[in-house]
Protein backbone atom coordinates (compact mmCIF):
# COMPACT_ATOMS: atom_id res chain seq x y z
CA MET A 1 122.90 20.92 58.14
CA ALA A 2 126.88 21.25 58.26
CA ALA A 3 127.28 19.28 55.20
CA ILE A 4 125.45 22.09 53.38
CA LEU A 5 127.87 24.72 54.58
CA GLY A 6 130.59 23.74 51.97
CA GLN A 7 128.55 23.61 49.20
CA PRO A 8 128.73 26.55 46.64
CA ARG A 9 125.25 25.63 45.21
CA ALA A 10 123.79 25.96 48.44
CA ALA A 11 124.44 29.81 48.70
CA GLY A 12 121.32 31.78 48.79
CA GLN A 13 119.05 28.63 48.90
CA ALA A 14 116.71 27.35 51.37
CA TYR A 15 116.46 23.51 52.12
CA ASN A 16 114.09 21.49 54.27
CA VAL A 17 116.26 19.02 56.40
CA THR A 18 113.39 17.00 57.82
CA GLY A 19 114.26 13.30 57.33
CA GLU A 20 113.06 11.16 54.35
CA GLU A 21 109.56 11.50 55.02
CA ALA A 22 106.95 13.97 53.81
CA ILE A 23 105.28 15.91 56.61
CA THR A 24 102.63 18.50 56.67
CA GLN A 25 102.56 21.80 58.71
CA ALA A 26 99.91 20.23 60.93
CA GLY A 27 101.83 16.95 61.09
CA PHE A 28 104.99 18.78 61.83
CA ALA A 29 102.83 20.53 65.06
CA GLU A 30 101.47 17.37 66.09
CA LEU A 31 105.04 15.70 66.20
CA ILE A 32 106.43 18.53 67.95
CA ALA A 33 103.68 18.09 70.57
CA GLU A 34 104.06 14.48 71.24
CA ILE A 35 107.89 14.78 71.57
CA VAL A 36 107.34 17.73 74.08
CA GLY A 37 104.77 15.82 75.96
CA ARG A 38 102.26 18.80 75.45
CA PRO A 39 98.59 18.69 74.32
CA LEU A 40 97.86 20.04 70.80
CA THR A 41 94.51 21.50 69.81
CA LEU A 42 94.63 22.60 66.02
CA VAL A 43 91.55 25.15 65.64
CA PRO A 44 89.88 25.47 62.60
CA PHE A 45 90.51 29.03 61.29
CA ASP A 46 88.46 30.97 58.41
CA PRO A 47 90.67 32.24 55.85
CA ALA A 48 88.38 35.01 55.18
CA LEU A 49 89.35 36.70 58.55
CA LEU A 50 92.79 37.14 56.84
CA ALA A 51 91.49 39.84 54.89
CA ARG A 52 90.89 41.90 58.03
CA ALA A 53 94.55 41.57 59.10
CA PRO A 54 97.15 44.26 58.80
CA ALA A 55 99.16 44.17 55.92
CA GLY A 56 102.41 41.89 56.05
CA PRO A 57 102.81 38.62 56.86
CA VAL A 58 100.21 36.76 59.41
CA PHE A 59 101.97 34.07 61.63
CA GLY A 60 100.29 30.57 60.93
CA GLN A 61 98.54 31.81 57.81
CA ASN A 62 99.60 28.82 55.92
CA LEU A 63 98.09 26.45 58.40
CA VAL A 64 94.92 27.61 57.38
CA TYR A 65 94.64 26.48 53.72
CA ASP A 66 93.15 22.99 52.92
CA CYS A 67 96.30 22.11 50.72
CA HIS A 68 98.75 22.53 53.78
CA ALA A 69 102.49 22.70 52.88
CA VAL A 70 104.43 19.67 52.89
CA TYR A 71 108.11 19.53 53.89
CA THR A 72 110.15 17.01 51.95
CA THR A 73 113.97 16.86 51.63
CA THR A 74 113.76 16.74 47.77
CA LYS A 75 115.27 19.74 46.77
CA LEU A 76 118.15 19.02 49.30
CA ARG A 77 118.50 15.32 47.86
CA SER A 78 118.24 16.30 43.99
CA GLU A 79 120.47 19.65 44.20
CA LEU A 80 122.87 18.49 46.61
CA GLY A 81 122.87 14.71 46.71
CA LEU A 82 122.33 15.07 50.55
CA ARG A 83 120.09 12.47 52.58
CA PRO A 84 119.26 12.89 56.35
CA ARG A 85 120.62 10.55 58.67
CA TYR A 86 117.91 10.71 61.33
CA THR A 87 114.34 10.81 61.01
CA LEU A 88 112.42 14.15 61.61
CA ALA A 89 110.93 12.67 64.89
CA SER A 90 114.37 11.29 66.05
CA GLY A 91 116.31 14.45 65.30
CA LEU A 92 113.54 16.85 66.96
CA ALA A 93 113.45 14.20 69.74
CA GLN A 94 117.25 14.41 70.53
CA THR A 95 117.24 18.30 70.29
CA TRP A 96 114.55 18.26 72.86
CA GLU A 97 116.65 15.99 75.13
CA TRP A 98 119.82 18.22 74.46
CA TYR A 99 118.21 21.33 76.06
CA PRO A 100 118.32 20.38 79.78
CA ARG A 101 121.75 18.89 79.30
CA LYS A 102 123.05 22.14 78.10
CA GLY A 103 121.20 23.91 81.05
CA TRP A 104 117.97 25.07 79.43
CA ARG A 105 114.77 24.25 80.99
CA ALA A 106 111.18 24.89 80.31
CA VAL A 107 109.89 27.89 81.81
CA PRO A 108 105.90 27.91 82.07
CA SER A 109 104.64 31.31 80.58
CA THR A 110 101.75 33.16 81.64
CA SER A 111 99.64 31.56 78.79
CA PRO A 112 98.42 28.05 79.66
CA THR A 113 99.36 26.83 75.98
CA LYS A 114 102.84 28.28 75.76
CA THR A 115 106.10 27.23 77.35
CA ARG A 116 109.20 29.37 76.98
CA CYS A 117 113.11 28.25 77.31
CA SER A 118 115.65 29.94 79.40
CA ALA A 119 118.98 29.21 80.54
């Protein structure tokens, strides 16, 4: 990501920096669960329920569609000529391992399905 900083063409743009492989949102969640060693259950959700949600963005709303979004580095490669040095899995694993080395640790939350980090 540091390579993007000096690129004037990157100003105001959003780029996926995920690795060479394409990955769906569900696949991304599964990969994170695998790396952090936590179980993951993807629960089917009826998109019709979104009609009852308050106006504005709804967290996780993109996970309910059959055509799940796919993250790729195509824009990053085509517009800036940059290629990731690491796979998404290795980059996430290195990031997860970095936290305890810097004094961050996982702290159980009151929810059985959530963990938060603290210094």
